[in-house]
Amino acid sequence: MKTVGQLLELAGIGKDRLQLRWVSSSEGPQFAGYVTELTELVRGLGPLEAEARKLSLAAVHRALKAPSLRWLMGMERQLTERGNVYQEKLDPVVYENLLGRAGEVEFQRALIFEALAERPRTVRAMADLTGLPTYTISLRLNDLERSGQVGLRGHEGTSPIFSVLTA
């Protein structure tokens, strides 16, 4: 849940729109209270404007499907409680920081990929669309190029144009 919340924050949607509560079927009044609380919270946040957040929502979805992030989320207990093959355990705070950074990187990659899935773009055009700094886009483009997901399509003047590579 923390990772999904972090990705929703990065997407500008806000982590508070997502809640998970465990309630027994015998706790009807408590469930009703939670629903009322969440309804008031979302009402206070205002409408989601899904169309305006279409690119960010697609990036959240893509980032959550990234194998590296899914693997890291699934290894929390192993890494923090049981240890690795060298019997080394990660401090839970270190693990949370690692997971947070991995989530941020995967979101950035996904956001760039989704921007390029719409149409080929220059780095500057991607920066304008996504709000990411051009340096960050350059770093993540390198990752996406190495993995064979995007490539150089041509040039617009002296600016390279990138596009999604089809399989």
C-alpha atoms as a PDB file:
ATOM      1  CA  MET A   1       0.000   0.000   0.000  1.00  0.00           C
ATOM      2  CA  LYS A   2       2.857   2.394   0.751  1.00  0.00           C
ATOM      3  CA  THR A   3       4.282   1.953  -2.732  1.00  0.00           C
ATOM      4  CA  VAL A   4       0.921   2.525  -4.410  1.00  0.00           C
ATOM      5  CA  GLY A   5       0.427   5.605  -2.241  1.00  0.00           C
ATOM      6  CA  GLN A   6       3.883   6.894  -3.156  1.00  0.00           C
ATOM      7  CA  LEU A   7       3.165   6.407  -6.863  1.00  0.00           C
ATOM      8  CA  LEU A   8      -0.170   8.210  -6.526  1.00  0.00           C
ATOM      9  CA  GLU A   9       1.660  11.104  -4.848  1.00  0.00           C
ATOM     10  CA  LEU A  10       4.234  11.198  -7.658  1.00  0.00           C
ATOM     11  CA  ALA A  11       1.370  11.225 -10.168  1.00  0.00           C
ATOM     12  CA  GLY A  12      -0.179  14.262  -8.461  1.00  0.00           C
ATOM     13  CA  ILE A  13      -3.279  12.320  -7.447  1.00  0.00           C
ATOM     14  CA  GLY A  14      -2.561  12.004  -3.739  1.00  0.00           C
ATOM     15  CA  LYS A  15      -2.150   8.931  -1.572  1.00  0.00           C
ATOM     16  CA  ASP A  16      -5.206   9.768   0.532  1.00  0.00           C
ATOM     17  CA  ARG A  17      -7.577   8.715  -2.261  1.00  0.00           C
ATOM     18  CA  LEU A  18      -6.584   5.121  -1.547  1.00  0.00           C
ATOM     19  CA  GLN A  19      -7.432   3.478   1.778  1.00  0.00           C
ATOM     20  CA  LEU A  20      -7.331  -0.080   3.044  1.00  0.00           C
ATOM     21  CA  ARG A  21      -9.140  -1.051   6.236  1.00  0.00           C
ATOM     22  CA  TRP A  22      -9.714  -4.499   7.655  1.00  0.00           C
ATOM     23  CA  VAL A  23     -13.244  -4.786   8.984  1.00  0.00           C
ATOM     24  CA  SER A  24     -15.101  -7.904  10.073  1.00  0.00           C
ATOM     25  CA  SER A  25     -18.597  -8.561   8.751  1.00  0.00           C
ATOM     26  CA  SER A  26     -19.820  -8.167  12.333  1.00  0.00           C
ATOM     27  CA  GLU A  27     -18.499  -4.586  12.477  1.00  0.00           C
ATOM     28  CA  GLY A  28     -21.151  -2.854  10.375  1.00  0.00           C
ATOM     29  CA  PRO A  29     -21.133   0.471  12.254  1.00  0.00           C
ATOM     30  CA  GLN A  30     -17.339   0.636  12.091  1.00  0.00           C
ATOM     31  CA  PHE A  31     -17.452  -0.047   8.325  1.00  0.00           C
ATOM     32  CA  ALA A  32     -20.073   2.676   7.862  1.00  0.00           C
ATOM     33  CA  GLY A  33     -17.873   5.071   9.802  1.00  0.00           C
ATOM     34  CA  TYR A  34     -14.895   4.317   7.562  1.00  0.00           C
ATOM     35  CA  VAL A  35     -16.985   4.838   4.425  1.00  0.00           C
ATOM     36  CA  THR A  36     -18.250   8.165   5.735  1.00  0.00           C
ATOM     37  CA  GLU A  37     -14.720   9.228   6.691  1.00  0.00           C
ATOM     38  CA  LEU A  38     -13.336   8.332   3.252  1.00  0.00           C
ATOM     39  CA  THR A  39     -16.258  10.015   1.487  1.00  0.00           C
ATOM     40  CA  GLU A  40     -15.633  13.261   3.352  1.00  0.00           C
ATOM     41  CA  LEU A  41     -11.893  13.034   2.710  1.00  0.00           C
ATOM     42  CA  VAL A  42     -12.355  12.534  -1.046  1.00  0.00           C
ATOM     43  CA  ARG A  43     -15.007  15.244  -1.184  1.00  0.00           C
ATOM     44  CA  GLY A  44     -12.504  17.617   0.425  1.00  0.00           C
ATOM     45  CA  LEU A  45      -9.837  16.660  -2.116  1.00  0.00           C
ATOM     46  CA  GLY A  46     -12.165  17.500  -4.979  1.00  0.00           C
ATOM     47  CA  PRO A  47     -12.751  15.715  -8.266  1.00  0.00           C
ATOM     48  CA  LEU A  48     -10.009  13.499  -9.650  1.00  0.00           C
ATOM     49  CA  GLU A  49     -10.160  14.834 -13.229  1.00  0.00           C
ATOM     50  CA  ALA A  50      -9.072  11.490 -14.670  1.00  0.00           C
ATOM     51  CA  GLU A  51      -8.688  12.808 -18.218  1.00  0.00           C
ATOM     52  CA  ALA A  52      -6.172  15.426 -17.072  1.00  0.00           C
ATOM     53  CA  ARG A  53      -4.288  12.708 -15.144  1.00  0.00           C
ATOM     54  CA  LYS A  54      -4.524  10.084 -17.893  1.00  0.00           C
ATOM     55  CA  LEU A  55      -0.773  10.003 -18.545  1.00  0.00           C
ATOM     56  CA  SER A  56       0.101   9.855 -14.838  1.00  0.00           C
ATOM     57  CA  LEU A  57      -2.471   7.130 -14.132  1.00  0.00           C
ATOM     58  CA  ALA A  58      -1.107   5.036 -16.991  1.00  0.00           C
ATOM     59  CA  ALA A  59       2.412   5.541 -15.607  1.00  0.00           C
ATOM     60  CA  VAL A  60       1.303   4.382 -12.128  1.00  0.00           C
ATOM     61  CA  HIS A  61      -0.248   1.279 -13.670  1.00  0.00           C
ATOM     62  CA  ARG A  62       2.876   0.539 -15.742  1.00  0.00           C
ATOM     63  CA  ALA A  63       5.217   1.139 -12.778  1.00  0.00           C
ATOM     64  CA  LEU A  64       3.252  -1.301 -10.594  1.00  0.00           C
ATOM     65  CA  LYS A  65       3.725  -3.984 -13.257  1.00  0.00           C
ATOM     66  CA  ALA A  66       7.506  -3.466 -13.435  1.00  0.00           C
ATOM     67  CA  PRO A  67       9.244  -6.739 -12.522  1.00  0.00           C
ATOM     68  CA  SER A  68      11.999  -5.075 -10.493  1.00  0.00           C
ATOM     69  CA  LEU A  69       9.544  -3.167  -8.316  1.00  0.00           C
ATOM     70  CA  ARG A  70       7.255  -6.194  -7.875  1.00  0.00           C
ATOM     71  CA  TRP A  71      10.239  -8.335  -6.891  1.00  0.00           C
ATOM     72  CA  LEU A  72      11.471  -5.795  -4.365  1.00  0.00           C
ATOM     73  CA  MET A  73       7.997  -5.434  -2.813  1.00  0.00           C
ATOM     74  CA  GLY A  74       7.712  -9.207  -2.534  1.00  0.00           C
ATOM     75  CA  MET A  75      11.083  -9.578  -0.815  1.00  0.00           C
ATOM     76  CA  GLU A  76      10.491  -7.309   2.192  1.00  0.00           C
ATOM     77  CA  ARG A  77      10.342 -10.043   4.834  1.00  0.00           C
ATOM     78  CA  GLN A  78      13.219 -11.939   3.291  1.00  0.00           C
ATOM     79  CA  LEU A  79      15.459  -8.897   3.159  1.00  0.00           C
ATOM     80  CA  THR A  80      14.537  -7.369   6.527  1.00  0.00           C
ATOM     81  CA  GLU A  81      13.844 -10.423   8.722  1.00  0.00           C
ATOM     82  CA  ARG A  82      15.493 -13.526   7.294  1.00  0.00           C
ATOM     83  CA  GLY A  83      18.473 -12.019   5.505  1.00  0.00           C
ATOM     84  CA  ASN A  84      20.115 -12.626   2.166  1.00  0.00           C
ATOM     85  CA  VAL A  85      22.399 -15.505   1.159  1.00  0.00           C
ATOM     86  CA  TYR A  86      25.161 -13.922   3.264  1.00  0.00           C
ATOM     87  CA  GLN A  87      22.870 -13.793   6.338  1.00  0.00           C
ATOM     88  CA  GLU A  88      22.788 -10.002   6.105  1.00  0.00           C
ATOM     89  CA  LYS A  89      19.536  -8.280   7.004  1.00  0.00           C
ATOM     90  CA  LEU A  90      18.499  -4.864   5.754  1.00  0.00           C
ATOM     91  CA  ASP A  91      17.380  -2.340   8.305  1.00  0.00           C
ATOM     92  CA  PRO A  92      13.636  -1.728   7.666  1.00  0.00           C
ATOM     93  CA  VAL A  93      14.286   2.001   7.187  1.00  0.00           C
ATOM     94  CA  VAL A  94      16.962   1.250   4.594  1.00  0.00           C
ATOM     95  CA  TYR A  95      14.560  -1.132   2.848  1.00  0.00           C
ATOM     96  CA  GLU A  96      11.786   1.510   2.803  1.00  0.00           C
ATOM     97  CA  ASN A  97      14.205   4.069   1.334  1.00  0.00           C
ATOM     98  CA  LEU A  98      15.341   1.566  -1.298  1.00  0.00           C
ATOM     99  CA  LEU A  99      11.761   0.712  -2.194  1.00  0.00           C
ATOM    100  CA  GLY A 100      10.820   4.394  -2.349  1.00  0.00           C
ATOM    101  CA  ARG A 101      13.696   5.187  -4.694  1.00  0.00           C
ATOM    102  CA  ALA A 102      12.892   2.168  -6.885  1.00  0.00           C
ATOM    103  CA  GLY A 103       9.260   3.291  -7.074  1.00  0.00           C
ATOM    104  CA  GLU A 104      10.292   6.791  -8.089  1.00  0.00           C
ATOM    105  CA  VAL A 105      12.606   5.520 -10.829  1.00  0.00           C
ATOM    106  CA  GLU A 106       9.992   3.083 -12.179  1.00  0.00           C
ATOM    107  CA  PHE A 107       7.373   5.843 -12.216  1.00  0.00           C
ATOM    108  CA  GLN A 108       9.713   8.125 -14.160  1.00  0.00           C
ATOM    109  CA  ARG A 109      10.473   5.380 -16.698  1.00  0.00           C
ATOM    110  CA  ALA A 110       6.788   4.584 -17.046  1.00  0.00           C
ATOM    111  CA  LEU A 111       5.846   8.249 -17.443  1.00  0.00           C
ATOM    112  CA  ILE A 112       8.383   8.666 -20.251  1.00  0.00           C
ATOM    113  CA  PHE A 113       7.269   5.441 -21.919  1.00  0.00           C
ATOM    114  CA  GLU A 114       3.617   6.523 -21.779  1.00  0.00           C
ATOM    115  CA  ALA A 115       4.510   9.939 -23.221  1.00  0.00           C
ATOM    116  CA  LEU A 116       6.321   8.235 -26.100  1.00  0.00           C
ATOM    117  CA  ALA A 117       3.493   5.740 -26.577  1.00  0.00           C
ATOM    118  CA  GLU A 118       1.262   8.692 -27.542  1.00  0.00           C
ATOM    119  CA  ARG A 119       3.729   9.850 -30.212  1.00  0.00           C
ATOM    120  CA  PRO A 120       7.479  10.315 -30.806  1.00  0.00           C
ATOM    121  CA  ARG A 121       8.956  13.280 -28.914  1.00  0.00           C
ATOM    122  CA  THR A 122      12.125  15.200 -28.195  1.00  0.00           C
ATOM    123  CA  VAL A 123      13.566  15.324 -24.689  1.00  0.00           C
ATOM    124  CA  ARG A 124      12.340  18.927 -24.340  1.00  0.00           C
ATOM    125  CA  ALA A 125       8.804  17.931 -25.406  1.00  0.00           C
ATOM    126  CA  MET A 126       8.833  15.075 -22.870  1.00  0.00           C
ATOM    127  CA  ALA A 127      10.011  17.467 -20.162  1.00  0.00           C
ATOM    128  CA  ASP A 128       7.221  19.919 -21.005  1.00  0.00           C
ATOM    129  CA  LEU A 129       4.598  17.153 -20.964  1.00  0.00           C
ATOM    130  CA  THR A 130       5.739  15.226 -17.884  1.00  0.00           C
ATOM    131  CA  GLY A 131       7.230  17.966 -15.721  1.00  0.00           C
ATOM    132  CA  LEU A 132      10.389  15.890 -15.267  1.00  0.00           C
ATOM    133  CA  PRO A 133      13.768  17.649 -15.565  1.00  0.00           C
ATOM    134  CA  THR A 134      15.575  17.048 -18.857  1.00  0.00           C
ATOM    135  CA  TYR A 135      18.483  15.418 -17.015  1.00  0.00           C
ATOM    136  CA  THR A 136      16.115  12.889 -15.400  1.00  0.00           C
ATOM    137  CA  ILE A 137      14.534  12.188 -18.781  1.00  0.00           C
ATOM    138  CA  SER A 138      17.976  11.586 -20.273  1.00  0.00           C
ATOM    139  CA  LEU A 139      18.842   9.118 -17.501  1.00  0.00           C
ATOM    140  CA  ARG A 140      15.588   7.196 -17.821  1.00  0.00           C
ATOM    141  CA  LEU A 141      15.755   7.243 -21.636  1.00  0.00           C
ATOM    142  CA  ASN A 142      19.130   5.508 -21.337  1.00  0.00           C
ATOM    143  CA  ASP A 143      17.481   2.795 -19.203  1.00  0.00           C
ATOM    144  CA  LEU A 144      14.605   2.412 -21.677  1.00  0.00           C
ATOM    145  CA  GLU A 145      16.971   2.305 -24.664  1.00  0.00           C
ATOM    146  CA  ARG A 146      19.179  -0.354 -23.037  1.00  0.00           C
ATOM    147  CA  SER A 147      16.116  -2.503 -22.355  1.00  0.00           C
ATOM    148  CA  GLY A 148      14.998  -2.153 -25.976  1.00  0.00           C
ATOM    149  CA  GLN A 149      11.747  -0.353 -25.169  1.00  0.00           C
ATOM    150  CA  VAL A 150      12.485   2.978 -26.857  1.00  0.00           C
ATOM    151  CA  GLY A 151      14.879   4.147 -29.519  1.00  0.00           C
ATOM    152  CA  LEU A 152      16.047   7.065 -31.596  1.00  0.00           C
ATOM    153  CA  ARG A 153      13.634   7.744 -34.428  1.00  0.00           C
ATOM    154  CA  GLY A 154      15.211  10.753 -36.087  1.00  0.00           C
ATOM    155  CA  HIS A 155      15.938  14.411 -35.506  1.00  0.00           C
ATOM    156  CA  GLU A 156      14.012  17.658 -35.346  1.00  0.00           C
ATOM    157  CA  GLY A 157      16.721  20.154 -36.230  1.00  0.00           C
ATOM    158  CA  THR A 158      19.492  19.214 -33.805  1.00  0.00           C
ATOM    159  CA  SER A 159      17.153  17.597 -31.250  1.00  0.00           C
ATOM    160  CA  PRO A 160      16.865  13.809 -31.284  1.00  0.00           C
ATOM    161  CA  ILE A 161      13.356  12.357 -31.454  1.00  0.00           C
ATOM    162  CA  PHE A 162      12.602   9.180 -29.504  1.00  0.00           C
ATOM    163  CA  SER A 163       9.798   6.670 -29.959  1.00  0.00           C
ATOM    164  CA  VAL A 164       8.550   3.413 -28.525  1.00  0.00           C
ATOM    165  CA  LEU A 165      10.004   0.385 -30.299  1.00  0.00           C
ATOM    166  CA  THR A 166       7.422  -2.131 -31.432  1.00  0.00           C
ATOM    167  CA  ALA A 167       8.057  -5.791 -30.849  1.00  0.00           C
END
